[in-house]
Amino acid sequence: MTISEFLIALTLGAAALALWINFRFPGIAPAEFKTAVLHVAAALVVGQALVPLLHAAMPAMSPIAQALIMTFLIGLPALVYSLLSSIWIIRLTQAAFRR
């Protein structure tokens, strides 16, 4: 499997998880556009700030262990949260246009 194929599979898996969370737990979606935008901003900040902090915290680990931890414990949840907050923005925008 190439890196490109892996990243496509990871993104599609994160999108499937975000859609599942959205439909399985509809009560966690924000009711206001302002709150949804704050979720998008939080997802971006967490995704950008966590990676350098974790690189500094894991210097003694092997590169393979670092890659696995960064990908599945940090990257995947951050990507799912980003996609989920984007879904919430889309749903609120659709609801606003229906009115």
N, C-alpha and C. Protein backbone atom coordinates (compact mmCIF):
# COMPACT_ATOMS: atom_id res chain seq x y z
N MET A 1 0.85 -1.17 0.00
CA MET A 1 0.00 0.00 0.00
C MET A 1 0.90 1.24 0.00
N THR A 2 0.61 2.15 -0.88
CA THR A 2 1.39 3.38 -0.93
C THR A 2 0.89 4.37 0.10
N ILE A 3 1.64 5.41 0.32
CA ILE A 3 1.24 6.44 1.28
C ILE A 3 -0.05 7.12 0.83
N SER A 4 -0.16 7.39 -0.46
CA SER A 4 -1.37 8.03 -0.99
C SER A 4 -2.60 7.17 -0.76
N GLU A 5 -2.47 5.88 -1.03
CA GLU A 5 -3.60 4.97 -0.81
C GLU A 5 -3.97 4.91 0.66
N PHE A 6 -2.97 4.89 1.53
CA PHE A 6 -3.25 4.86 2.96
C PHE A 6 -3.97 6.13 3.41
N LEU A 7 -3.52 7.28 2.92
CA LEU A 7 -4.16 8.54 3.32
C LEU A 7 -5.59 8.64 2.81
N ILE A 8 -5.84 8.12 1.61
CA ILE A 8 -7.21 8.10 1.09
C ILE A 8 -8.07 7.19 1.95
N ALA A 9 -7.56 6.01 2.30
CA ALA A 9 -8.32 5.08 3.14
C ALA A 9 -8.56 5.67 4.53
N LEU A 10 -7.56 6.33 5.08
CA LEU A 10 -7.71 6.96 6.40
C LEU A 10 -8.76 8.06 6.36
N THR A 11 -8.74 8.86 5.32
CA THR A 11 -9.72 9.95 5.19
C THR A 11 -11.13 9.41 4.99
N LEU A 12 -11.28 8.39 4.15
CA LEU A 12 -12.60 7.80 3.95
C LEU A 12 -13.11 7.14 5.23
N GLY A 13 -12.23 6.50 5.97
CA GLY A 13 -12.62 5.92 7.25
C GLY A 13 -13.03 6.98 8.25
N ALA A 14 -12.29 8.09 8.29
CA ALA A 14 -12.65 9.19 9.19
C ALA A 14 -13.99 9.80 8.79
N ALA A 15 -14.23 9.91 7.49
CA ALA A 15 -15.51 10.45 7.02
C ALA A 15 -16.66 9.52 7.40
N ALA A 16 -16.44 8.21 7.27
CA ALA A 16 -17.47 7.25 7.67
C ALA A 16 -17.75 7.34 9.17
N LEU A 17 -16.70 7.48 9.97
CA LEU A 17 -16.90 7.63 11.42
C LEU A 17 -17.64 8.92 11.75
N ALA A 18 -17.29 10.01 11.07
CA ALA A 18 -17.96 11.29 11.32
C ALA A 18 -19.44 11.21 10.95
N LEU A 19 -19.74 10.58 9.82
CA LEU A 19 -21.15 10.43 9.43
C LEU A 19 -21.90 9.54 10.42
N TRP A 20 -21.25 8.47 10.87
CA TRP A 20 -21.89 7.58 11.83
C TRP A 20 -22.19 8.32 13.14
N ILE A 21 -21.22 9.08 13.63
CA ILE A 21 -21.42 9.85 14.87
C ILE A 21 -22.55 10.85 14.69
N ASN A 22 -22.58 11.51 13.52
CA ASN A 22 -23.60 12.51 13.25
C ASN A 22 -25.01 11.90 13.29
N PHE A 23 -25.19 10.74 12.69
CA PHE A 23 -26.52 10.13 12.65
C PHE A 23 -26.83 9.32 13.90
N ARG A 24 -25.83 8.77 14.55
CA ARG A 24 -26.06 7.97 15.76
C ARG A 24 -26.33 8.84 16.98
N PHE A 25 -25.67 9.98 17.06
CA PHE A 25 -25.83 10.88 18.20
C PHE A 25 -26.23 12.28 17.72
N PRO A 26 -27.45 12.45 17.25
CA PRO A 26 -27.85 13.76 16.71
C PRO A 26 -27.96 14.84 17.79
N GLY A 27 -28.07 14.45 19.03
CA GLY A 27 -28.21 15.42 20.12
C GLY A 27 -26.94 16.19 20.44
N ILE A 28 -25.78 15.72 19.98
CA ILE A 28 -24.55 16.43 20.29
C ILE A 28 -24.26 17.55 19.28
N ALA A 29 -25.01 17.59 18.21
CA ALA A 29 -24.80 18.65 17.22
C ALA A 29 -25.23 20.00 17.79
N PRO A 30 -24.45 21.05 17.54
CA PRO A 30 -24.82 22.37 18.05
C PRO A 30 -26.07 22.89 17.35
N ALA A 31 -26.86 23.65 18.09
CA ALA A 31 -28.10 24.20 17.54
C ALA A 31 -27.89 25.56 16.90
N GLU A 32 -26.79 26.22 17.22
CA GLU A 32 -26.54 27.56 16.69
C GLU A 32 -25.31 27.54 15.80
N PHE A 33 -25.33 28.42 14.81
CA PHE A 33 -24.23 28.53 13.86
C PHE A 33 -22.94 28.97 14.56
N LYS A 34 -23.06 29.85 15.53
CA LYS A 34 -21.88 30.35 16.25
C LYS A 34 -21.15 29.22 16.97
N THR A 35 -21.90 28.34 17.61
CA THR A 35 -21.30 27.22 18.31
C THR A 35 -20.63 26.25 17.34
N ALA A 36 -21.26 26.04 16.20
CA ALA A 36 -20.68 25.15 15.19
C ALA A 36 -19.37 25.71 14.65
N VAL A 37 -19.31 27.03 14.44
CA VAL A 37 -18.08 27.66 13.97
C VAL A 37 -16.98 27.53 15.02
N LEU A 38 -17.35 27.64 16.29
CA LEU A 38 -16.36 27.44 17.36
C LEU A 38 -15.81 26.00 17.36
N HIS A 39 -16.66 25.03 17.04
CA HIS A 39 -16.19 23.65 16.94
C HIS A 39 -15.20 23.50 15.78
N VAL A 40 -15.47 24.14 14.65
CA VAL A 40 -14.55 24.08 13.52
C VAL A 40 -13.21 24.71 13.92
N ALA A 41 -13.27 25.86 14.57
CA ALA A 41 -12.04 26.54 15.00
C ALA A 41 -11.27 25.67 16.00
N ALA A 42 -11.98 25.05 16.93
CA ALA A 42 -11.32 24.19 17.91
C ALA A 42 -10.67 22.99 17.23
N ALA A 43 -11.33 22.42 16.24
CA ALA A 43 -10.76 21.29 15.51
C ALA A 43 -9.47 21.69 14.79
N LEU A 44 -9.47 22.87 14.20
CA LEU A 44 -8.27 23.34 13.50
C LEU A 44 -7.14 23.62 14.48
N VAL A 45 -7.45 24.25 15.59
CA VAL A 45 -6.42 24.57 16.59
C VAL A 45 -5.83 23.29 17.19
N VAL A 46 -6.69 22.35 17.54
CA VAL A 46 -6.21 21.10 18.12
C VAL A 46 -5.34 20.35 17.12
N GLY A 47 -5.79 20.30 15.87
CA GLY A 47 -5.01 19.60 14.85
C GLY A 47 -3.65 20.22 14.60
N GLN A 48 -3.55 21.54 14.69
CA GLN A 48 -2.28 22.22 14.45
C GLN A 48 -1.37 22.26 15.67
N ALA A 49 -1.93 22.35 16.85
CA ALA A 49 -1.12 22.53 18.06
C ALA A 49 -0.63 21.21 18.65
N LEU A 50 -1.39 20.15 18.46
CA LEU A 50 -1.06 18.90 19.12
C LEU A 50 0.16 18.19 18.51
N VAL A 51 0.33 18.30 17.22
CA VAL A 51 1.42 17.57 16.55
C VAL A 51 2.80 18.02 17.05
N PRO A 52 3.11 19.32 17.07
CA PRO A 52 4.44 19.70 17.59
C PRO A 52 4.64 19.36 19.06
N LEU A 53 3.59 19.46 19.84
CA LEU A 53 3.71 19.10 21.26
C LEU A 53 4.02 17.62 21.44
N LEU A 54 3.39 16.78 20.66
CA LEU A 54 3.63 15.35 20.79
C LEU A 54 5.00 14.95 20.24
N HIS A 55 5.45 15.61 19.21
CA HIS A 55 6.81 15.32 18.72
C HIS A 55 7.84 15.63 19.80
N ALA A 56 7.63 16.69 20.53
CA ALA A 56 8.55 17.04 21.60
C ALA A 56 8.44 16.08 22.78
N ALA A 57 7.27 15.50 22.98
CA ALA A 57 7.05 14.63 24.13
C ALA A 57 7.49 13.19 23.89
N MET A 58 7.73 12.82 22.64
CA MET A 58 8.05 11.43 22.34
C MET A 58 9.43 11.25 21.71
N PRO A 59 10.49 11.84 22.23
CA PRO A 59 11.79 11.70 21.55
C PRO A 59 12.43 10.32 21.72
N ALA A 60 12.06 9.58 22.76
CA ALA A 60 12.73 8.31 23.03
C ALA A 60 12.11 7.14 22.27
N MET A 61 10.99 7.34 21.63
CA MET A 61 10.31 6.25 20.93
C MET A 61 10.91 6.03 19.55
N SER A 62 10.69 4.84 19.03
CA SER A 62 11.14 4.55 17.67
C SER A 62 10.28 5.33 16.67
N PRO A 63 10.82 5.59 15.49
CA PRO A 63 10.04 6.34 14.49
C PRO A 63 8.74 5.64 14.08
N ILE A 64 8.75 4.32 14.07
CA ILE A 64 7.54 3.58 13.70
C ILE A 64 6.47 3.76 14.78
N ALA A 65 6.86 3.66 16.04
CA ALA A 65 5.90 3.86 17.13
C ALA A 65 5.37 5.29 17.12
N GLN A 66 6.24 6.25 16.86
CA GLN A 66 5.79 7.65 16.77
C GLN A 66 4.78 7.82 15.65
N ALA A 67 5.04 7.22 14.51
CA ALA A 67 4.14 7.34 13.36
C ALA A 67 2.78 6.72 13.67
N LEU A 68 2.77 5.57 14.31
CA LEU A 68 1.50 4.92 14.64
C LEU A 68 0.70 5.72 15.66
N ILE A 69 1.39 6.22 16.68
CA ILE A 69 0.71 7.02 17.70
C ILE A 69 0.16 8.31 17.09
N MET A 70 0.97 8.98 16.30
CA MET A 70 0.53 10.23 15.69
C MET A 70 -0.64 10.00 14.73
N THR A 71 -0.61 8.91 14.00
CA THR A 71 -1.65 8.65 13.01
C THR A 71 -2.97 8.25 13.65
N PHE A 72 -2.93 7.26 14.54
CA PHE A 72 -4.18 6.69 15.02
C PHE A 72 -4.68 7.28 16.33
N LEU A 73 -3.81 7.80 17.17
CA LEU A 73 -4.28 8.38 18.43
C LEU A 73 -4.48 9.89 18.34
N ILE A 74 -3.85 10.53 17.37
CA ILE A 74 -3.97 11.98 17.23
C ILE A 74 -4.62 12.35 15.90
N GLY A 75 -4.06 11.85 14.82
CA GLY A 75 -4.53 12.24 13.49
C GLY A 75 -5.95 11.81 13.19
N LEU A 76 -6.26 10.56 13.43
CA LEU A 76 -7.61 10.07 13.13
C LEU A 76 -8.69 10.78 13.95
N PRO A 77 -8.56 10.89 15.28
CA PRO A 77 -9.59 11.63 16.01
C PRO A 77 -9.70 13.10 15.60
N ALA A 78 -8.57 13.74 15.32
CA ALA A 78 -8.61 15.14 14.89
C ALA A 78 -9.32 15.27 13.54
N LEU A 79 -9.06 14.33 12.63
CA LEU A 79 -9.71 14.36 11.33
C LEU A 79 -11.20 14.08 11.45
N VAL A 80 -11.57 13.13 12.29
CA VAL A 80 -13.00 12.84 12.52
C VAL A 80 -13.70 14.06 13.09
N TYR A 81 -13.08 14.72 14.07
CA TYR A 81 -13.69 15.91 14.68
C TYR A 81 -13.81 17.05 13.67
N SER A 82 -12.81 17.22 12.83
CA SER A 82 -12.88 18.25 11.80
C SER A 82 -14.02 17.98 10.81
N LEU A 83 -14.11 16.74 10.37
CA LEU A 83 -15.18 16.40 9.44
C LEU A 83 -16.55 16.48 10.09
N LEU A 84 -16.64 16.07 11.34
CA LEU A 84 -17.92 16.14 12.05
C LEU A 84 -18.36 17.58 12.24
N SER A 85 -17.45 18.45 12.60
CA SER A 85 -17.83 19.86 12.76
C SER A 85 -18.19 20.48 11.42
N SER A 86 -17.57 20.03 10.34
CA SER A 86 -17.96 20.50 9.01
C SER A 86 -19.36 20.03 8.64
N ILE A 87 -19.68 18.80 9.00
CA ILE A 87 -21.04 18.29 8.76
C ILE A 87 -22.05 19.14 9.51
N TRP A 88 -21.73 19.51 10.75
CA TRP A 88 -22.65 20.35 11.51
C TRP A 88 -22.86 21.70 10.84
N ILE A 89 -21.80 22.29 10.31
CA ILE A 89 -21.93 23.57 9.60
C ILE A 89 -22.84 23.41 8.39
N ILE A 90 -22.64 22.33 7.63
CA ILE A 90 -23.46 22.09 6.45
C ILE A 90 -24.92 21.92 6.83
N ARG A 91 -25.19 21.16 7.89
CA ARG A 91 -26.59 20.95 8.32
C ARG A 91 -27.24 22.25 8.77
N LEU A 92 -26.51 23.07 9.52
CA LEU A 92 -27.07 24.34 9.97
C LEU A 92 -27.30 25.30 8.81
N THR A 93 -26.41 25.27 7.83
CA THR A 93 -26.59 26.11 6.64
C THR A 93 -27.82 25.66 5.84
N GLN A 94 -27.98 24.36 5.68
CA GLN A 94 -29.16 23.85 4.99
C GLN A 94 -30.44 24.23 5.73
N ALA A 95 -30.43 24.13 7.04
CA ALA A 95 -31.60 24.49 7.85
C ALA A 95 -31.91 25.97 7.70
N ALA A 96 -30.89 26.81 7.62
CA ALA A 96 -31.11 28.25 7.47
C ALA A 96 -31.73 28.57 6.11
N PHE A 97 -31.32 27.85 5.07
CA PHE A 97 -31.89 28.09 3.75
C PHE A 97 -33.31 27.56 3.62
N ARG A 98 -33.68 26.57 4.42
CA ARG A 98 -35.05 26.05 4.38
C ARG A 98 -36.06 27.02 4.95
N ARG A 99 -35.61 27.88 5.88
CA ARG A 99 -36.53 28.81 6.53
C ARG A 99 -36.93 29.91 5.63
